[in-house]
Protein backbone atom coordinates (compact mmCIF):
# COMPACT_ATOMS: atom_id res chain seq x y z
CA UNK A 1 0.00 0.00 0.00
CA UNK A 2 2.86 2.38 0.85
CA UNK A 3 4.53 1.78 -2.53
CA UNK A 4 1.27 2.36 -4.39
CA UNK A 5 0.56 5.46 -2.28
CA UNK A 6 4.00 6.85 -3.17
CA UNK A 7 3.38 6.29 -6.88
CA UNK A 8 -0.09 7.84 -6.77
CA UNK A 9 1.31 10.78 -4.83
CA UNK A 10 3.79 11.38 -7.66
CA UNK A 11 1.04 11.01 -10.29
CA UNK A 12 -1.46 13.39 -8.68
CA UNK A 13 1.20 15.85 -7.54
CA UNK A 14 2.60 15.98 -11.07
CA UNK A 15 -0.83 16.47 -12.66
CA UNK A 16 -1.57 19.22 -10.16
CA UNK A 17 1.74 20.87 -11.00
CA UNK A 18 0.75 20.86 -14.67
CA UNK A 19 -2.63 22.39 -13.88
CA UNK A 20 -1.26 25.05 -11.52
CA UNK A 21 0.89 26.53 -14.29
CA UNK A 22 -1.45 25.86 -17.20
CA UNK A 23 -4.50 27.58 -15.71
CA UNK A 24 -2.61 30.64 -14.48
CA UNK A 25 -1.10 31.16 -17.94
CA UNK A 26 -4.11 30.57 -20.19
CA UNK A 27 -5.00 34.24 -20.05
CA UNK A 28 -1.54 35.34 -21.23
CA UNK A 29 -2.57 34.08 -24.70
CA UNK A 30 -6.32 34.68 -24.45
CA UNK A 31 -5.65 38.36 -23.79
CA UNK A 32 -4.30 38.67 -27.33
CA UNK A 33 -7.66 37.45 -28.67
CA UNK A 34 -9.66 39.77 -26.39
CA UNK A 35 -7.48 42.69 -27.46
CA UNK A 36 -8.81 42.24 -30.99
CA UNK A 37 -12.39 41.25 -30.17
CA UNK A 38 -13.18 43.74 -27.39
CA UNK A 39 -11.23 46.71 -28.76
CA UNK A 40 -9.46 47.37 -25.44
CA UNK A 41 -5.72 47.95 -25.10
CA UNK A 42 -3.27 45.22 -24.16
CA UNK A 43 -2.31 47.10 -20.97
CA UNK A 44 -5.98 47.40 -19.86
CA UNK A 45 -6.78 43.75 -20.49
CA UNK A 46 -3.50 42.38 -19.13
CA UNK A 47 -4.06 44.28 -15.87
CA UNK A 48 -7.04 41.98 -15.18
CA UNK A 49 -4.60 39.14 -14.53
CA UNK A 50 -2.56 40.97 -11.88
CA UNK A 51 -4.87 39.99 -8.92
CA UNK A 52 -4.56 36.36 -10.07
CA UNK A 53 -0.76 36.62 -10.08
CA UNK A 54 -0.70 38.24 -6.64
CA UNK A 55 -3.06 35.66 -5.11
CA UNK A 56 -1.16 32.80 -6.75
CA UNK A 57 1.76 33.78 -4.51
CA UNK A 58 0.19 35.57 -1.54
CA UNK A 59 -2.26 32.75 -0.72
CA UNK A 60 0.58 30.20 -0.67
CA UNK A 61 1.50 30.84 2.97
CA UNK A 62 -2.00 30.24 4.44
CA UNK A 63 -2.40 27.26 2.09
CA UNK A 64 0.86 25.76 3.39
CA UNK A 65 -0.25 26.37 6.97
CA UNK A 66 -3.52 24.56 6.29
CA UNK A 67 -1.63 21.67 4.69
CA UNK A 68 0.53 21.32 7.83
CA UNK A 69 -2.29 21.77 10.34
CA UNK A 70 -5.16 20.00 8.59
CA UNK A 71 -4.49 17.66 5.68
CA UNK A 72 -2.25 17.84 2.63
CA UNK A 73 -4.48 15.52 0.61
CA UNK A 74 -7.59 17.44 1.67
CA UNK A 75 -6.05 20.67 0.43
CA UNK A 76 -5.08 18.99 -2.84
CA UNK A 77 -8.70 17.95 -3.38
CA UNK A 78 -9.71 21.58 -2.83
CA UNK A 79 -7.09 22.62 -5.38
CA UNK A 80 -8.47 20.44 -8.19
CA UNK A 81 -12.12 21.30 -7.59
CA UNK A 82 -11.53 25.02 -6.99
CA UNK A 83 -9.29 25.64 -10.00
CA UNK A 84 -11.59 23.70 -12.31
CA UNK A 85 -14.71 25.50 -11.11
CA UNK A 86 -13.19 28.99 -11.35
CA UNK A 87 -11.82 28.31 -14.83
CA UNK A 88 -15.28 27.35 -16.06
CA UNK A 89 -16.74 30.48 -14.42
CA UNK A 90 -14.13 32.62 -16.21
CA UNK A 91 -15.17 31.09 -19.51
CA UNK A 92 -18.74 32.27 -18.95
CA UNK A 93 -17.74 35.84 -17.99
CA UNK A 94 -19.29 38.66 -20.04
CA UNK A 95 -17.28 41.66 -18.84
CA UNK A 96 -13.75 42.60 -17.83
CA UNK A 97 -14.86 42.55 -14.18
CA UNK A 98 -16.19 39.01 -14.57
CA UNK A 99 -12.95 37.86 -16.14
CA UNK A 100 -10.92 39.56 -13.41
CA UNK A 101 -12.93 37.85 -10.66
CA UNK A 102 -12.70 34.45 -12.35
CA UNK A 103 -8.96 34.79 -12.81
CA UNK A 104 -8.58 35.86 -9.16
CA UNK A 105 -10.39 32.66 -8.13
CA UNK A 106 -8.03 30.59 -10.28
CA UNK A 107 -5.05 32.28 -8.60
CA UNK A 108 -6.48 31.68 -5.12
CA UNK A 109 -7.03 27.95 -5.57
CA UNK A 110 -3.93 27.41 -7.72
CA UNK A 111 -1.90 28.84 -4.83
CA UNK A 112 -2.60 25.62 -2.91
CA UNK A 113 -0.40 23.40 -5.06
CA UNK A 114 3.17 24.56 -4.52
CA UNK A 115 3.21 24.85 -0.70
CA UNK A 116 1.14 21.68 -0.25
CA UNK A 117 1.78 19.41 -3.23
CA UNK A 118 5.58 19.67 -3.25
CA UNK A 119 6.08 18.95 0.50
CA UNK A 120 3.53 16.13 0.16
CA UNK A 121 5.64 14.67 -2.65
CA UNK A 122 8.92 15.19 -0.75
CA UNK A 123 7.64 13.29 2.28
CA UNK A 124 6.81 10.28 0.11
CA UNK A 125 9.91 10.36 -2.13
CA UNK A 126 12.85 7.97 -1.79
CA UNK A 127 15.01 9.67 -4.41
CA UNK A 128 14.06 13.25 -3.72
CA UNK A 129 15.92 14.96 -6.56
CA UNK A 130 14.58 12.52 -9.16
CA UNK A 131 10.99 12.85 -7.91
CA UNK A 132 11.26 16.64 -7.94
CA UNK A 133 12.77 16.51 -11.42
CA UNK A 134 9.90 14.40 -12.77
CA UNK A 135 7.41 16.64 -11.01
CA UNK A 136 9.17 19.68 -12.45
CA UNK A 137 8.80 18.32 -15.97
CA UNK A 138 5.05 18.22 -15.50
CA UNK A 139 5.09 21.82 -14.29
CA UNK A 140 6.99 22.80 -17.43
CA UNK A 141 4.46 20.88 -19.53
CA UNK A 142 1.72 23.00 -17.98
CA UNK A 143 3.60 26.17 -18.77
CA UNK A 144 4.39 24.91 -22.27
CA UNK A 145 0.85 23.75 -22.95
CA UNK A 146 -0.92 26.88 -21.75
CA UNK A 147 -0.20 28.96 -24.84
CA UNK A 148 -0.88 26.07 -27.23
CA UNK A 149 -4.07 24.97 -25.48
CA UNK A 150 -5.39 28.53 -25.26
CA UNK A 151 -4.40 29.33 -28.84
CA UNK A 152 -5.84 26.12 -30.29
CA UNK A 153 -9.15 26.24 -28.39
CA UNK A 154 -9.55 29.96 -29.10
CA UNK A 155 -9.01 29.40 -32.82
CA UNK A 156 -11.43 26.44 -32.95
CA UNK A 157 -14.27 27.50 -30.64
CA UNK A 158 -13.49 30.96 -29.28
CA UNK A 159 -11.71 32.23 -26.19
CA UNK A 160 -14.37 30.90 -23.79
CA UNK A 161 -13.48 27.31 -24.69
CA UNK A 162 -9.90 28.01 -23.60
CA UNK A 163 -11.18 28.18 -20.01
CA UNK A 164 -14.21 25.89 -20.01
CA UNK A 165 -12.71 22.73 -21.55
CA UNK A 166 -9.55 22.65 -19.36
CA UNK A 167 -11.76 23.48 -16.36
CA UNK A 168 -13.89 20.40 -16.97
CA UNK A 169 -10.76 18.23 -17.23
CA UNK A 170 -9.48 19.58 -13.91
CA UNK A 171 -12.82 18.84 -12.24
CA UNK A 172 -12.76 15.24 -13.49
CA UNK A 173 -9.22 14.82 -12.18
CA UNK A 174 -10.38 16.21 -8.84
CA UNK A 175 -13.19 13.67 -8.61
CA UNK A 176 -10.66 10.90 -9.27
CA UNK A 177 -8.43 12.30 -6.54
CA UNK A 178 -11.31 12.44 -4.05
CA UNK A 179 -12.17 8.82 -4.83
CA UNK A 180 -8.55 7.69 -4.32
CA UNK A 181 -8.38 9.60 -1.04
CA UNK A 182 -11.62 8.11 0.24
CA UNK A 183 -10.38 4.63 -0.74
CA UNK A 184 -7.22 5.20 1.38
CA UNK A 185 -4.98 4.91 -1.68
CA UNK A 186 -3.21 8.14 -0.71
CA UNK A 187 -1.31 8.84 2.52
CA UNK A 188 -0.88 11.96 4.66
CA UNK A 189 2.57 10.96 5.90
CA UNK A 190 3.82 12.91 8.93
CA UNK A 191 7.52 12.12 8.48
CA UNK A 192 9.81 11.66 5.49
CA UNK A 193 9.86 8.24 3.84
CA UNK A 194 13.69 8.44 4.01
CA UNK A 195 14.77 10.29 7.20
CA UNK A 196 17.75 12.66 7.01
CA UNK A 197 20.07 14.08 9.65
CA UNK A 198 18.77 17.31 11.16
CA UNK A 199 20.75 20.42 10.13
CA UNK A 200 22.19 22.84 12.67
CA UNK A 201 20.19 25.90 13.72
CA UNK A 202 22.78 28.31 12.35
CA UNK A 203 22.62 26.68 8.93
CA UNK A 204 18.81 26.72 8.97
CA UNK A 205 18.68 30.47 9.52
CA UNK A 206 21.49 31.14 7.06
CA UNK A 207 19.77 29.17 4.33
CA UNK A 208 16.44 30.81 5.16
CA UNK A 209 17.73 34.36 4.63
CA UNK A 210 19.92 33.57 1.64
CA UNK A 211 17.25 31.60 -0.17
CA UNK A 212 14.62 34.24 0.52
CA UNK A 213 16.67 36.52 -1.73
CA UNK A 214 17.56 33.94 -4.38
CA UNK A 215 14.02 32.59 -4.63
CA UNK A 216 12.60 36.09 -5.06
CA UNK A 217 14.98 36.65 -7.98
CA UNK A 218 14.43 33.26 -9.66
CA UNK A 219 10.67 33.53 -9.21
CA UNK A 220 10.58 36.98 -10.77
CA UNK A 221 12.48 35.67 -13.80
CA UNK A 222 10.14 32.70 -14.19
CA UNK A 223 6.91 34.64 -13.71
CA UNK A 224 7.80 37.59 -15.91
CA UNK A 225 9.12 35.36 -18.70
CA UNK A 226 6.06 33.11 -18.71
CA UNK A 227 3.63 36.03 -18.94
CA UNK A 228 5.68 38.16 -21.35
CA UNK A 229 6.80 35.53 -23.87
CA UNK A 230 3.52 35.39 -25.88
CA UNK A 231 3.67 39.19 -26.34
CA UNK A 232 7.39 39.11 -27.17
CA UNK A 233 6.76 36.53 -29.91
CA UNK A 234 3.67 38.41 -31.08
CA UNK A 235 5.71 41.62 -31.45
CA UNK A 236 8.86 40.14 -32.97
CA UNK A 237 7.81 36.99 -34.83
CA UNK A 238 4.09 37.32 -35.65
CA UNK A 239 4.87 37.68 -39.36
CA UNK A 240 6.35 34.20 -39.40
CA UNK A 241 2.90 32.73 -38.68
CA UNK A 242 0.70 35.47 -40.22
CA UNK A 243 -0.48 36.74 -36.81
CA UNK A 244 -1.95 33.32 -35.94
CA UNK A 245 -2.66 32.80 -32.23
CA UNK A 246 -2.01 29.10 -32.78
CA UNK A 247 1.40 29.91 -34.26
CA UNK A 248 2.37 32.21 -31.39
CA UNK A 249 1.10 29.70 -28.83
CA UNK A 250 2.99 26.94 -30.62
CA UNK A 251 6.28 28.85 -30.33
CA UNK A 252 5.76 29.35 -26.60
CA UNK A 253 4.96 25.65 -26.28
CA UNK A 254 8.18 24.72 -28.09
CA UNK A 255 10.16 26.86 -25.63
CA UNK A 256 8.68 25.28 -22.52
CA UNK A 257 8.61 21.75 -23.92
CA UNK A 258 12.34 21.94 -24.61
CA UNK A 259 12.96 23.37 -21.15
CA UNK A 260 11.02 20.54 -19.49
CA UNK A 261 13.89 18.10 -19.99
CA UNK A 262 16.19 20.40 -18.05
CA UNK A 263 14.14 19.63 -14.93
CA UNK A 264 15.11 15.96 -15.23
CA UNK A 265 18.74 16.92 -15.70
CA UNK A 266 18.54 19.30 -12.75
CA UNK A 267 16.94 16.59 -10.60
CA UNK A 268 19.68 14.07 -11.38
CA UNK A 269 22.37 16.68 -10.71
CA UNK A 270 20.70 17.51 -7.39
CA UNK A 271 20.90 13.85 -6.33
CA UNK A 272 24.51 13.35 -7.49
CA UNK A 273 26.35 16.61 -6.83
CA UNK A 274 26.49 19.56 -4.47
CA UNK A 275 23.12 21.28 -4.29
CA UNK A 276 24.93 24.56 -3.69
CA UNK A 277 27.17 24.14 -6.75
CA UNK A 278 24.30 23.22 -9.07
CA UNK A 279 22.20 26.11 -7.80
CA UNK A 280 24.96 28.70 -8.22
CA UNK A 281 25.91 27.54 -11.73
CA UNK A 282 22.45 27.87 -13.25
CA UNK A 283 22.04 31.42 -11.94
CA UNK A 284 25.20 32.74 -13.58
CA UNK A 285 24.66 30.87 -16.85
CA UNK A 286 21.32 32.62 -17.37
CA UNK A 287 22.78 36.12 -17.72
CA UNK A 288 24.43 35.94 -21.16
CA UNK A 289 21.51 33.96 -22.59
CA UNK A 290 18.95 36.55 -21.41
CA UNK A 291 20.99 39.36 -22.97
CA UNK A 292 21.27 37.51 -26.28
CA UNK A 293 17.48 36.95 -26.28
CA UNK A 294 16.95 40.67 -25.76
CA UNK A 295 18.82 41.47 -28.98
CA UNK A 296 17.17 38.92 -31.29
CA UNK A 297 14.36 39.81 -33.71
CA UNK A 298 14.64 36.57 -35.65
CA UNK A 299 13.28 32.98 -35.45
CA UNK A 300 16.53 32.12 -33.62
CA UNK A 301 14.84 33.81 -30.65
CA UNK A 302 12.82 30.61 -30.09
CA UNK A 303 15.76 28.27 -29.29
CA UNK A 304 17.53 31.01 -27.32
CA UNK A 305 14.37 31.57 -25.26
CA UNK A 306 14.19 27.80 -24.71
CA UNK A 307 17.75 27.81 -23.33
CA UNK A 308 16.97 30.84 -21.19
CA UNK A 309 13.95 29.15 -19.59
CA UNK A 310 15.79 25.81 -19.31
CA UNK A 311 18.52 27.34 -17.18
CA UNK A 312 15.95 29.01 -14.94
CA UNK A 313 13.98 25.84 -14.24
CA UNK A 314 17.00 23.50 -14.09
CA UNK A 315 17.82 24.93 -10.67
CA UNK A 316 14.39 24.26 -9.19
CA UNK A 317 15.01 20.64 -8.03
CA UNK A 318 18.18 21.82 -6.24
CA UNK A 319 16.29 24.81 -4.80
CA UNK A 320 13.43 22.67 -3.50
CA UNK A 321 15.86 20.04 -2.17
CA UNK A 322 17.81 22.71 -0.28
CA UNK A 323 14.62 24.08 1.24
CA UNK A 324 13.40 20.60 2.22
CA UNK A 325 16.81 19.66 3.66
CA UNK A 326 16.89 22.66 5.99
CA UNK A 327 13.25 22.51 7.10
CA UNK A 328 11.71 20.04 9.62
CA UNK A 329 8.91 17.95 8.02
CA UNK A 330 6.21 19.38 10.32
CA UNK A 331 7.06 22.93 9.16
CA UNK A 332 7.62 22.17 5.50
CA UNK A 333 4.24 23.33 4.23
CA UNK A 334 4.74 26.74 5.82
CA UNK A 335 8.33 26.90 4.56
CA UNK A 336 7.25 26.18 0.99
CA UNK A 337 4.33 28.55 1.47
CA UNK A 338 6.83 31.27 2.37
CA UNK A 339 8.91 30.37 -0.67
CA UNK A 340 6.01 30.73 -3.05
CA UNK A 341 4.85 33.96 -1.46
CA UNK A 342 8.23 35.22 -2.65
CA UNK A 343 8.52 33.42 -5.98
CA UNK A 344 4.90 33.77 -7.10
CA UNK A 345 3.50 36.59 -4.97
CA UNK A 346 6.12 39.27 -4.38
CA UNK A 347 7.72 38.42 -7.72
CA UNK A 348 4.39 39.14 -9.39
CA UNK A 349 5.63 42.73 -9.38
CA UNK A 350 7.57 41.51 -12.41
CA UNK A 351 4.27 40.61 -14.04
CA UNK A 352 2.77 43.96 -13.05
CA UNK A 353 5.54 45.92 -14.78
CA UNK A 354 5.04 44.13 -18.11
CA UNK A 355 2.13 46.32 -19.31
CA UNK A 356 3.82 49.42 -17.84
CA UNK A 357 7.06 48.79 -19.74
CA UNK A 358 5.17 48.02 -22.94
CA UNK A 359 2.98 51.11 -22.66
CA UNK A 360 5.96 53.41 -22.00
CA UNK A 361 8.41 51.98 -24.54
CA UNK A 362 6.34 50.02 -27.07
CA UNK A 363 8.61 46.99 -26.52
CA UNK A 364 9.63 44.64 -23.70
CA UNK A 365 13.39 45.07 -24.16
CA UNK A 366 13.80 46.74 -20.76
CA UNK A 367 12.23 43.66 -19.15
CA UNK A 368 15.15 41.51 -20.35
CA UNK A 369 17.61 43.85 -18.63
CA UNK A 370 15.61 43.49 -15.41
CA UNK A 371 15.69 39.69 -15.73
CA UNK A 372 19.47 39.65 -16.26
CA UNK A 373 19.91 41.79 -13.16
CA UNK A 374 17.76 39.36 -11.15
CA UNK A 375 19.86 36.40 -12.33
CA UNK A 376 23.02 38.23 -11.23
CA UNK A 377 21.45 38.96 -7.85
CA UNK A 378 20.48 35.31 -7.37
CA UNK A 379 24.01 34.22 -8.31
CA UNK A 380 25.60 36.57 -5.78
CA UNK A 381 23.31 35.55 -2.92
CA UNK A 382 23.66 31.82 -3.71
CA UNK A 383 27.40 32.11 -3.03
CA UNK A 384 26.48 32.62 0.65
CA UNK A 385 24.86 29.18 1.01
CA UNK A 386 26.66 26.79 3.45
CA UNK A 387 29.53 24.97 1.73
CA UNK A 388 29.03 21.84 3.82
CA UNK A 389 25.87 21.19 1.81
CA UNK A 390 28.14 19.61 -0.83
CA UNK A 391 29.32 16.88 1.50
CA UNK A 392 25.91 16.40 3.02
CA UNK A 393 24.32 15.88 -0.36
CA UNK A 394 27.00 13.63 -1.84
CA UNK A 395 25.08 10.61 -0.60
CA UNK A 396 21.47 11.73 -0.15
CA UNK A 397 20.04 8.24 0.39
CA UNK A 398 22.15 5.46 1.94
CA UNK A 399 22.02 2.32 -0.18
CA UNK A 400 20.12 -0.53 1.48
CA UNK A 401 22.16 -3.52 2.58
CA UNK A 402 22.13 -6.36 0.08
């Protein structure tokens, strides 16, 4: 039963990771359709998604607290049903206010996943880096699929279908989750499946402050890139696909599909090498790639953007492993909640500046400079992580005796 519960935890956690990113990014492509159909400006329509972005991060801390105090699996059930229901409601909206409220609901319920689903997965994982890598791939699939799903459904049946059809799928998944939970096929484990030595208090506080800074920077890069990329491609490469929403969405999907594999690579590196070393390397490698992307107005922008996103997400298994390593299991939901308040909530300021930058300059070039500066900041702060993490992580899971 424990083995099956661990597998089902990985399955449902991974699906939820896909949904959390897919549903919060559907509007980034749909807004391009509404801009043409409703005759409102991009800045006006994009602003409707800012409350969703803020709630996606800000609600993470109370969600993590509820996962620790009540039930991780119960909160996950609420995630599936709430996100699905709010997405359907958004699809039936008839005004900007209705869309804004529906998107805010999506952000509120989607906020449950990261502080609850990831600690839930960590507690059940034997090979933590590998499990986080696989889970990360599914998150990248959600990010990759959002533009394609929204573009395809909007082209076939209109923008409303881009919310209603995925919403129904999420609801069905939620009903399957509720059934599995009621049948005791899922566990709310209190301790880690593979116990680890407790870190010292000084290291815990050091990692807490250092990673608060690095996670804010990496989250801002991820959030701003995910929301801005459809508009960047629309501005620079729309002629390649004759202004087709499906073509623009397809390019975004290519970027995030390619980057998904980097999560697996990052997960394996996190299990085999120093978490600190892996984490530092990916921060510094992002800088030249971001600057090259800023200068390209050519189809070569697509593979460069894929490399840019790949480097950003490749560090996430190491980041999550570091946070889990230096946090007691009973506090992990709150710790991850705090992380995602930073990476998805506070960093949503990066999302908020997108329409401002575009309205003032007519391009998003300045945004790339901001992203490069954030990568440099993350690289500098990551150098302050404890060096002994390398030795501690060299053998994350002792091999069982033969």
